[in-house]
Each structure stands twice: as structure tokens, then as C-alpha cells.
Amino acid sequence: MTSALRGIARSPGAGRRAAWLFLTLVVIYNANGREIGTYDSQPTKFTIRELAVAGTLTLDRVVAQQPMFAERAGFAVDRGGHYRSAYSMMPVLAAAIPAIVLQRTGLVDFDAPLAPNLIAALTASGLTAGAVTLVYLALLRLVTPAIALWTAIGLGLGTNCWTLVSQTLWQHESVAFGLALALWAWLRPSRRSEDRRLHSVSNGSRSSIGTGLLALGAAGLGMAGTARPQVAPLIACMLGWLIVRIGVRRAILPLAVVAGIAVLAVSVNVAWFGHPLGALPRLQEGHPTVHLMPGSFSATPWIGAAGLLFSPSRGLLVFSPVVAIAIAGIWIARRDARGAAPGWLAAAAGVQFVAYSLFSVWWAGHTYGPRYLLDLLVPLTPLAALGVERLAQAAWSKALMAILLAWSIAVAGAGAFVYPHEAWNSDPTEIDRDHARLWDVADSQIVRTLTSDASPQNFQLFTTASVRDPR
């Protein structure tokens, strides 16, 4: 109890440590000097360029310059005959201000070959580092500063937040930042005496969250849901957590904020593509031909569930076993006085895990290790912090946590500097067609990555090709 109270108390120097954490993560995320883009992330970064250069969200000029883009599902034709990104505009809006500033000041020439890659990498790394930093600040209200910091390091460097989320601007970085913003805004004790502060965290005193924080957290959820509608089950559970904490009346404002953002996103989707989900249904039409799956949902979700956790080349607990500490936190939260909030967050992660298990393409196409379950990591961090706090009390369990963290960081770092140069997704056969390879232990993606040379694209963003047009 005493250690918990010390952790929840105001921590001197927390802002300074948070700033150092943010800057350190941004440096590490960009140490490979490249953007690790995907087939699907291309439209987002080119939309940012068009917005900065021409003040438009259409991709007509991009497709005219590169006609092959017209064949990609991510470049969708809207109702007016214009090419647009088939994905959410939320990441584009997140990158809009820095992109426009860099363009107008002349620091970056967006006609430079790698300029779109540069702004995508910088924005994604900034949003991801910001998410981890917000998690750290939120956890200071739950555990000691040291435990909060180690938990944040596990999230930021011991998972694919490093290898995937921070490396390109698409969806997951906006989800992580939005959820972290909600966690920071809502996981707050009331301003009462030290002895009552712990009680307010578990029971959610109705005076502990101000109106501004309620709206800010709701804006975070709106950002996450708009960027990736697939996380709707998780967002619904987090709203349920808030309602239980503060009551229905006070929850009207955050509910209205989330609903307003959702209505705006749906209105844009309908205006552009004639469907509430925009071009998302069109993207799902490619499953039979691209992934050899009959539809978007699977009749064998237990296979997806097992694969999401334990596949040698996609399992979360294989690539990032440090996440298992959060599982220990679930049991601790059942008897811990602080367990009410983490319990709701565990339920949110669980519901979202079930939803992703139903996806027919649970391996998420061409990627490095797990991708879908990255959306669950931020809500799991309070549970992970409780797990670290309990396991740190014994020498053997502390050593075990150190091993899990070291392996997780090594695997994530290897991916950041090697993937996709190891060519695992397409060699010796195409992973979207040869699904049995997802369970191959001898030639798993980790084994291939650790024995492959670094990507030849490393450090290309440190050249003039990212800021100047050679013409």
C-alpha cells in the first residue's frame, strides 16, 4: 500500500523525464534512417504531400505521375471521379501542420524523391513516442516512477511499436496516440488527501476528472476510431469504463464528442464514396484473390486466436513476450485496490482480441510479426505496470522480466533495421497464398531476420534526396 501511494503521489521531475523519454524514442525510432512503408500506406503519405503542395486531398496528380498506382486498392476513385486514399484522413490531418510548415519555410522540398517518406516517418515516430510518453505519465498515477518508466520502455521498444507503428504513417500510430491520450486524461485520481487518492483511482470519484479532460480523452478515442474503425469494440469498452466511473450524466459530454467525430467521419465517407465506411468495403473485396480467403470473417476463429498469440511469424507472445507481464497483471488486478480501472481495460483488450480473432486474414498480410494486436497494447499498460510491480519483488521473477524485455527489444530492433530485406513474406512462397508457412518454426520470420543483412534502404532519409529535388 505504501509503495502504491508513493507512486500515485506527484513525482518531482516527471515532466523532465517525460521529455527525455519522448526525445530518446524519437531518436531511436529514426535511427534506421528510413520509412518502412507498406503497400497500403502509400496513399497516406502522398495525400500529405498533395495537401502541403497543392492544398488538396485528392491524388489525381500522383496517379498521373505514376499510373500504376491506379491499380492499387488503396488509391480509390470517389463519386466525383477523383483518386483519393481509401484509408482514413486522420493521419493526414495529424501530419498536415508539420508538413505545411516544412513546405512553406523551404526546409523540405516536397518534390524531393523521398520527401513524402520523410514526413511519414517523422510524424509516425512523433505520434508513437508521444503515445508512449502519455502512457508513462498516466502510469505515474498508478505505480512508482521507476515501474512506470520500465513499463513505458517495454511498450515503446519491446514491441512492434518500434518496428511498425513508428515507421510509417497509416493507422496504428493514430490509434496508439488516441488511446494513450484517453488513458492519460481519464486514469486520474481526485485532488484529495494522499490516503483517499488511491480510493479515487479504483472507484473513480466523480470530481477526479475535469470537463476539459473528459473532452480531451473523448477526442483521443475519436481519433483512434476514425483512423481505424476496426477498434470500435475497444472504444466502446473504454466508454463503458468511463460511464461506470463518473456516471451517465457527466459522461454525456465525452459521449457527444466521440459521436460527433464519428458522424463527421461517416459524413465524409458518404460524400466521397457513398458508404459510411468509405472505401473500406472495397478493400475487403480483394480477400478471395489476394489472400485466398472467401470473406472478411473466419469460420474458425480459434485458429486466428492461436495465430495472433503464438504463430512463429506473427504471434505477439513470440515477438514480444514482455507483453506476458500484462497477463500476470490481470490476476493481480482482481485483488488489488487499483484493479477497477485496469480490469475494465483488460476487458477492452479482450473484446478487441476476440474481434481480431474473427478476421480471416489474421496474419495481416505482408508485415513483420504481429500487427493487429498492436492496437491492444496501450490499454494493457496499466495491467503490465501492476505485473511489473508484483514480479519485481522476487529476484527470480525480476530476472525473468529482464530476459523477456531483452528478447523483445532485440527482435523489435532487428526488424527495424532488417525488415523487409529478409524477404520472408514472399520467399520461398507468397505468405498470402501459402498460409502453412505461418506455423513454420524452422524458417520463422525471426530466424530469417536475425540471420539476414541490414536493409540497404537504411539511412536514406539522411541524404539530400529527402529534402531537395535533384532537378
Foldseek 3Di string as FASTA:
>chain_A
DVQQLQLQPDDPCLVVVLVVLLVVQLCLLCQQQWFPDDLQQVQLLVLLLCCQPPVDQFCQVVCVVPVVCVVRLQQDQWPVRTTHGQFFCLLSVLLNVVSNVCCVVQQFPSVQPAQSGVSFLNSQSNLLSLLLSLQLLLCSNGGHNVLSVVLSCLLSQLALSRQPRNRGGAALSLLSNLQSLLSSQQQWFAPDDSVCRLLCNQQQPLRGHDLVSLQRNLVSLLSNCSRPVLLVLLSVLVLVLVCRRNNDVSSPNSVVNSVVSLVVSQVVLCNTHNGSSHSVVVVQVCLCPQQVDPGFFDPCLVVLLCLCAPQLFAHRCNLQVLLVLLVVLQVVLVPDSNNNQLVSLVVSLVVSSSSLSGTPPSSVFDDGYHDSSSSSSSSSSSSSSSSCVVQVVDPVSVVVSVVSSVSSSVQSSLSNFAPPVLVPCPPPHHCSYVVVLSRDNVDHSSVSSVPDDTDPCGSVNVDCSNGDHPD
